[in-house]
Protein backbone atom coordinates (compact mmCIF):
# COMPACT_ATOMS: atom_id res chain seq x y z
CA MET A 1 26.64 -18.38 22.59
CA GLU A 2 24.12 -15.58 22.84
CA THR A 3 25.42 -12.80 20.65
CA LYS A 4 24.73 -9.75 22.96
CA HIS A 5 22.96 -6.30 20.47
CA ILE A 6 24.39 -2.90 21.97
CA PRO A 7 20.96 -0.69 21.04
CA LEU A 8 22.29 2.28 19.22
CA ALA A 9 23.13 5.85 21.17
CA TRP A 10 21.17 8.94 19.86
CA PRO A 11 24.48 10.26 17.92
CA ILE A 12 25.43 13.94 18.26
CA LEU A 13 24.69 15.96 15.36
CA GLU A 14 26.19 19.67 14.27
CA PHE A 15 25.23 21.30 11.51
CA GLY A 16 28.78 22.48 11.28
CA LYS A 17 29.61 19.34 10.58
CA LEU A 18 26.86 18.05 8.63
CA LYS A 19 26.06 20.78 6.59
CA ASP A 20 28.68 19.82 3.10
CA THR A 21 27.53 16.23 2.97
CA LEU A 22 24.20 17.11 4.12
CA GLU A 23 23.69 19.57 1.20
CA THR A 24 25.31 16.70 -1.10
CA LEU A 25 23.31 13.88 -0.10
CA HIS A 26 20.14 16.01 -0.41
CA GLN A 27 20.15 16.57 -3.68
CA TRP A 28 21.11 13.25 -4.38
CA ILE A 29 17.68 11.84 -2.70
CA GLN A 30 15.99 14.22 -4.49
CA ILE A 31 17.30 12.99 -7.70
CA VAL A 32 16.04 9.13 -6.53
CA GLY A 33 13.02 10.70 -5.04
CA LYS A 34 12.29 11.94 -8.44
CA ILE A 35 12.83 8.94 -10.20
CA ARG A 36 10.18 7.04 -7.55
CA LEU A 37 7.58 9.76 -7.83
CA GLN A 38 7.88 9.93 -11.72
CA ALA A 39 7.96 5.69 -11.65
CA MET A 40 5.46 4.73 -8.88
CA PRO A 41 0.83 5.38 -9.42
CA TRP A 42 0.19 8.56 -7.49
CA GLN A 43 -0.94 8.31 -4.28
CA ASN A 44 -2.58 11.12 -2.13
CA HIS A 45 -0.97 13.92 -0.52
CA SER A 46 2.40 12.57 -2.89
CA TRP A 47 2.88 10.08 -0.56
CA HIS A 48 4.28 8.58 -3.73
CA ALA A 49 7.06 10.40 -3.99
CA THR A 50 8.40 9.55 -0.43
CA LEU A 51 11.53 7.56 0.52
CA TYR A 52 11.61 5.24 3.42
CA LEU A 53 14.23 4.35 6.18
CA SER A 54 15.37 0.58 6.16
CA ALA A 55 17.60 -1.74 8.21
CA HIS A 56 20.91 0.12 5.92
CA GLY A 57 20.05 3.76 4.68
CA TYR A 58 16.91 5.02 2.87
CA THR A 59 15.29 3.55 0.27
CA THR A 60 13.07 3.95 -2.82
CA GLN A 61 11.30 0.20 -2.06
CA GLY A 62 10.35 -1.53 -4.32
CA ILE A 63 8.49 0.11 -7.70
CA PRO A 64 6.32 -1.55 -10.33
CA TYR A 65 7.58 -1.03 -13.12
CA GLU A 66 6.64 -2.94 -17.03
CA GLY A 67 5.92 -6.09 -15.07
CA ARG A 68 8.51 -6.21 -13.30
CA VAL A 69 9.87 -3.81 -9.92
CA PHE A 70 13.27 -2.18 -9.61
CA GLN A 71 14.47 -0.31 -6.08
CA ILE A 72 17.16 2.23 -5.18
CA GLU A 73 19.42 2.26 -1.81
CA PHE A 74 21.65 4.16 0.03
CA ASP A 75 23.29 1.41 2.49
CA PHE A 76 25.61 3.34 4.51
CA GLU A 77 27.27 1.10 6.12
CA LYS A 78 28.79 -0.38 2.88
CA HIS A 79 28.42 3.08 1.26
CA LYS A 80 27.13 1.78 -1.86
CA VAL A 81 23.89 3.31 -3.56
CA PHE A 82 21.93 -0.68 -4.76
CA ILE A 83 19.77 -0.29 -7.98
CA GLU A 84 18.15 -3.66 -7.63
CA CYS A 85 15.59 -4.80 -10.65
CA THR A 86 13.59 -8.12 -11.37
CA ASN A 87 15.57 -10.57 -13.50
CA GLU A 88 18.35 -8.90 -13.55
CA LYS A 89 21.93 -8.17 -11.49
CA THR A 90 21.81 -6.17 -9.04
CA LEU A 91 24.15 -3.15 -9.93
CA SER A 92 25.65 -0.17 -7.48
CA ILE A 93 27.66 3.54 -7.47
CA ASP A 94 30.33 4.07 -4.28
CA LEU A 95 29.34 6.65 -2.17
CA ARG A 96 32.64 8.73 -2.47
CA PRO A 97 33.02 12.18 -2.49
CA MET A 98 31.70 13.69 -6.40
CA THR A 99 29.38 16.07 -7.65
CA VAL A 100 25.46 16.33 -7.70
CA ALA A 101 26.66 16.16 -11.86
CA GLN A 102 28.46 12.73 -11.63
CA PHE A 103 26.19 11.24 -9.57
CA TYR A 104 23.27 12.18 -11.86
CA THR A 105 24.64 10.59 -14.74
CA GLU A 106 26.39 7.32 -13.30
CA LEU A 107 22.93 6.75 -11.51
CA PHE A 108 20.45 7.21 -14.99
CA GLU A 109 24.11 5.09 -16.32
CA LYS A 110 23.12 2.28 -14.28
CA LEU A 111 18.87 2.35 -15.20
CA PHE A 112 19.48 1.61 -18.59
CA LYS A 113 21.48 -0.79 -18.75
CA LEU A 114 18.57 -2.33 -16.45
CA GLY A 115 16.30 -1.05 -18.86
CA ILE A 116 14.53 1.06 -16.97
CA ASP A 117 13.39 4.02 -18.92
CA VAL A 118 12.53 7.39 -16.17
CA LYS A 119 12.64 11.08 -17.40
CA ILE A 120 12.63 13.77 -14.34
CA HIS A 121 12.36 16.90 -13.50
CA GLY A 122 15.95 18.01 -14.12
CA SER A 123 16.69 21.22 -10.90
CA PRO A 124 16.15 20.59 -7.26
CA ASN A 125 12.66 21.26 -5.31
CA GLU A 126 12.21 22.99 -1.73
CA MET A 127 15.52 24.84 -2.85
CA ASP A 128 16.76 28.32 -4.17
CA PRO A 129 18.60 28.38 -5.85
CA ALA A 130 17.79 25.39 -8.51
CA ILE A 131 20.99 24.42 -10.07
CA PRO A 132 20.21 21.86 -12.80
CA PHE A 133 20.91 18.58 -11.08
CA ASN A 134 23.44 17.92 -14.81
CA GLU A 135 25.34 21.16 -13.79
CA ASN A 136 25.64 20.90 -10.45
CA THR A 137 29.28 20.32 -9.50
CA LEU A 138 29.23 22.85 -5.91
CA ASN A 139 28.09 20.05 -3.81
CA LYS A 140 30.36 17.12 -3.75
CA THR A 141 31.23 16.01 -0.80
CA TYR A 142 30.65 13.46 1.19
CA ASP A 143 32.36 12.53 4.57
CA PRO A 144 31.24 8.71 5.26
CA GLU A 145 31.04 9.11 8.93
CA VAL A 146 28.59 12.49 9.32
CA ALA A 147 25.86 10.37 6.51
CA CYS A 148 25.87 7.62 8.46
CA THR A 149 25.43 9.66 11.92
CA LEU A 150 22.69 11.52 10.33
CA TRP A 151 20.98 8.48 9.37
CA HIS A 152 21.08 6.28 12.84
CA ALA A 153 19.30 9.75 14.26
CA MET A 154 16.43 9.46 11.45
CA LEU A 155 16.71 5.38 12.64
CA LYS A 156 16.15 6.79 16.59
CA ALA A 157 13.18 9.06 15.28
CA ASN A 158 11.76 6.46 13.08
CA GLN A 159 10.68 4.31 15.79
CA VAL A 160 9.41 7.38 18.14
CA PHE A 161 7.72 8.39 15.31
CA SER A 162 6.49 4.83 14.59
CA ASP A 163 5.00 4.21 18.32
CA PHE A 164 3.25 7.37 17.99
CA ARG A 165 1.66 6.63 14.92
CA GLY A 166 -0.02 3.40 16.88
CA GLY A 167 -1.74 5.36 18.65
CA PHE A 168 -4.42 6.58 15.90
CA LEU A 169 -7.43 4.92 14.52
CA GLY A 170 -8.05 7.26 12.18
CA LYS A 171 -6.59 7.85 8.60
CA SER A 172 -2.45 8.01 8.98
CA SER A 173 0.56 8.71 6.39
CA PRO A 174 3.57 6.48 6.80
CA VAL A 175 6.97 7.66 8.83
CA HIS A 176 8.25 8.75 5.93
CA LEU A 177 10.81 11.11 4.20
CA PHE A 178 10.26 13.99 2.28
CA TRP A 179 13.63 14.56 -0.25
CA GLY A 180 12.46 18.05 -0.42
CA ALA A 181 12.82 19.66 2.76
CA PHE A 182 14.58 16.27 3.74
CA ASP A 183 12.82 15.89 6.69
CA LEU A 184 11.05 12.30 8.63
CA ALA A 185 7.61 13.31 8.99
CA VAL A 186 4.38 11.69 9.83
CA THR A 187 1.03 13.54 9.18
CA ARG A 188 -2.33 12.52 11.61
CA PHE A 189 -5.27 13.90 9.08
CA SER A 190 -9.39 14.66 11.35
CA GLY A 191 -11.05 13.20 8.23
CA ARG A 192 -12.62 17.13 7.39
CA PRO A 193 -11.09 18.82 4.45
CA ALA A 194 -9.34 21.40 5.16
CA PRO A 195 -8.95 24.90 2.52
CA LEU A 196 -7.11 25.55 -0.63
CA HIS A 197 -3.07 25.94 1.26
CA GLN A 198 -1.32 29.24 -0.42
CA GLY A 199 2.03 28.28 -1.58
CA GLY A 200 4.71 29.73 -0.39
CA LEU A 201 8.21 27.21 -0.55
CA PRO A 202 10.44 27.83 -3.00
CA ASN A 203 10.78 25.54 -6.74
CA MET A 204 7.32 23.80 -5.05
CA PRO A 205 4.02 24.61 -7.35
CA LEU A 206 1.39 25.44 -5.74
CA GLU A 207 -1.33 22.94 -6.70
CA VAL A 208 1.03 20.29 -5.39
CA MET A 209 0.89 22.13 -2.24
CA GLN A 210 -3.04 22.35 -2.12
CA GLU A 211 -3.63 18.70 -2.58
CA ALA A 212 -0.84 17.66 -0.61
CA TYR A 213 -3.23 20.08 2.54
CA SER A 214 -6.07 19.72 1.12
CA GLN A 215 -7.40 17.86 4.53
CA GLU A 216 -6.92 19.19 7.99
CA VAL A 217 -4.09 17.50 9.41
CA PHE A 218 -1.46 17.66 12.25
CA SER A 219 1.92 16.78 11.16
CA ALA A 220 5.40 16.01 13.42
CA GLY A 221 8.83 15.89 11.95
CA PHE A 222 12.35 15.43 11.98
CA TRP A 223 14.64 17.90 10.08
CA PRO A 224 18.44 18.45 10.63
CA GLY A 225 18.80 21.74 10.73
CA SER A 226 19.62 24.24 8.47
CA GLN A 227 23.33 27.21 9.33
CA ASP A 228 20.89 29.59 11.41
CA PHE A 229 18.72 26.69 12.81
CA PRO A 230 20.16 23.31 14.82
CA PRO A 231 19.00 19.28 14.05
CA ALA A 232 15.38 19.65 15.50
CA PHE A 233 11.49 18.25 15.47
CA TYR A 234 8.74 20.73 15.08
CA THR A 235 4.97 19.71 15.13
CA TYR A 236 2.41 21.57 13.34
CA ALA A 237 -1.88 21.94 12.36
CA TYR A 238 -3.18 23.05 9.06
CA PRO A 239 -5.61 24.59 9.47
CA ALA A 240 -4.39 25.80 13.10
CA ASP A 241 -7.30 27.72 15.07
CA PRO A 242 -5.45 30.45 16.59
CA ALA A 243 -4.86 29.21 20.38
CA PHE A 244 -2.98 26.59 18.92
CA GLY A 245 0.24 28.08 19.55
CA GLN A 246 -0.69 29.35 23.29
CA GLN A 247 -0.98 25.67 24.64
CA LYS A 248 0.76 23.95 27.29
CA VAL A 249 2.78 21.69 25.26
CA LEU A 250 5.41 18.95 26.78
CA PRO A 251 8.13 18.96 27.50
CA ASP A 252 9.10 22.76 29.37
CA GLU A 253 12.42 22.66 26.67
CA ALA A 254 9.36 22.86 23.67
CA PHE A 255 8.90 26.65 22.47
CA TYR A 256 6.39 28.17 19.66
CA SER A 257 7.30 30.29 16.91
CA PRO A 258 4.59 32.68 15.59
CA GLU A 259 7.01 32.95 12.35
CA MET A 260 6.70 29.50 11.14
CA GLY A 261 3.36 28.60 13.48
CA GLU A 262 5.18 25.41 14.46
CA PHE A 263 6.26 23.98 17.82
CA PHE A 264 9.94 23.03 18.05
CA LEU A 265 11.71 20.43 20.54
CA LYS A 266 15.69 20.97 19.74
CA TYR A 267 17.03 17.48 18.74
CA GLU A 268 20.29 18.19 21.27
CA ASP A 269 17.97 18.36 24.02
CA VAL A 270 16.40 15.70 23.37
CA ARG A 271 20.02 13.31 23.30
CA GLN A 272 20.61 14.67 26.40
CA SER A 273 17.66 13.77 27.80
CA GLU A 274 18.04 10.99 30.38
CA ASP A 275 14.51 9.67 28.43
CA PRO A 276 15.38 10.98 24.81
CA GLU A 277 12.31 8.52 23.33
CA GLY A 278 9.68 9.56 26.54
CA MET A 279 11.20 13.12 25.60
CA LEU A 280 10.03 12.83 22.36
CA LEU A 281 7.03 10.73 22.73
CA SER A 282 5.38 14.19 25.17
CA PHE A 283 5.85 16.32 22.54
CA LEU A 284 4.63 14.79 19.80
CA GLN A 285 1.40 14.05 21.76
CA SER A 286 0.38 16.90 23.54
CA SER A 287 1.60 19.08 20.73
CA TYR A 288 -0.92 16.92 18.99
CA GLU A 289 -3.79 17.60 21.63
CA ALA A 290 -3.66 20.75 21.47
CA ALA A 291 -4.62 20.53 17.50
CA ALA A 292 -7.35 18.18 18.69
CA VAL A 293 -8.01 20.10 21.25
CA THR A 294 -7.80 23.04 19.66
CA SER A 295 -9.10 22.32 16.12
CA ASN A 296 -12.27 19.92 17.96
CA TRP A 297 -10.96 16.77 16.51
CA ASP A 298 -13.49 13.94 17.01
CA ARG A 299 -10.43 12.50 19.25
CA ASP A 300 -13.44 9.30 20.52
CA LYS A 301 -13.56 7.67 16.46
CA LEU A 302 -9.51 8.58 16.21
CA GLU A 303 -8.17 8.08 19.29
CA ARG A 304 -7.21 4.09 20.19
CA ASN A 305 -7.11 4.59 23.73
CA HIS A 306 -8.60 8.22 24.38
CA GLY A 307 -11.40 8.04 27.01
């Protein structure tokens, strides 16, 4: 008998309901991301530091270590963190309400049992204040439904971002999860160098920002929001031509923020659309074209179907 699979719907995201679990989970994924950052060979634009969407949650993917491979995965179906390593028994941590300090301690105890010794910078990045992980007893909320809902939203975004990435012949990043701001992102490169970035993010070394933006880029992402701004999709160019923000970007719900220098499309507008995937793809494509046209990218060489 044939099994019918019902596609995932775009879930409702209300930041007020996300807030407490999101703040705790953000700290936890920073810890795991920093482990990958330290253990992985360096890759351009800090791509060695990012996490990825998996069939069950967020994963480091395989990390080479002393002739073995280990990986850490947040599983939001079983609500566990799994730590796997070559020739070793898989260890796990139950995802539950617990402090950042407790998660930090448990995770490094599990790594020690597997013979993995990775030392990380013990405070979060892109956060202010940056409470050291092993001292953070403030953030301790974990609602399984909230964590799963956020992951499902990222899965939907991941599909559209992956489709968008496929239309580009030039250098492009993977679709990956940056744990600094907890945003899912994909970046296209023009192939030209960029001026030195001026930095400005809290608790983020200037040299990291300058290397990340050493090349001319167009970036798109999904961000789960804050107290002051709802979950949204964003796009920006670096460096951006002054005319970039004046371009017409689809759909009509999209808007430009002069303060941020970015185009935004609220997640809820996408979710309520008759064609969420089509709406989001039009936002990505039209804002990319705004960047490519105003900055004179060589589109004949960079785009699969241009012309």
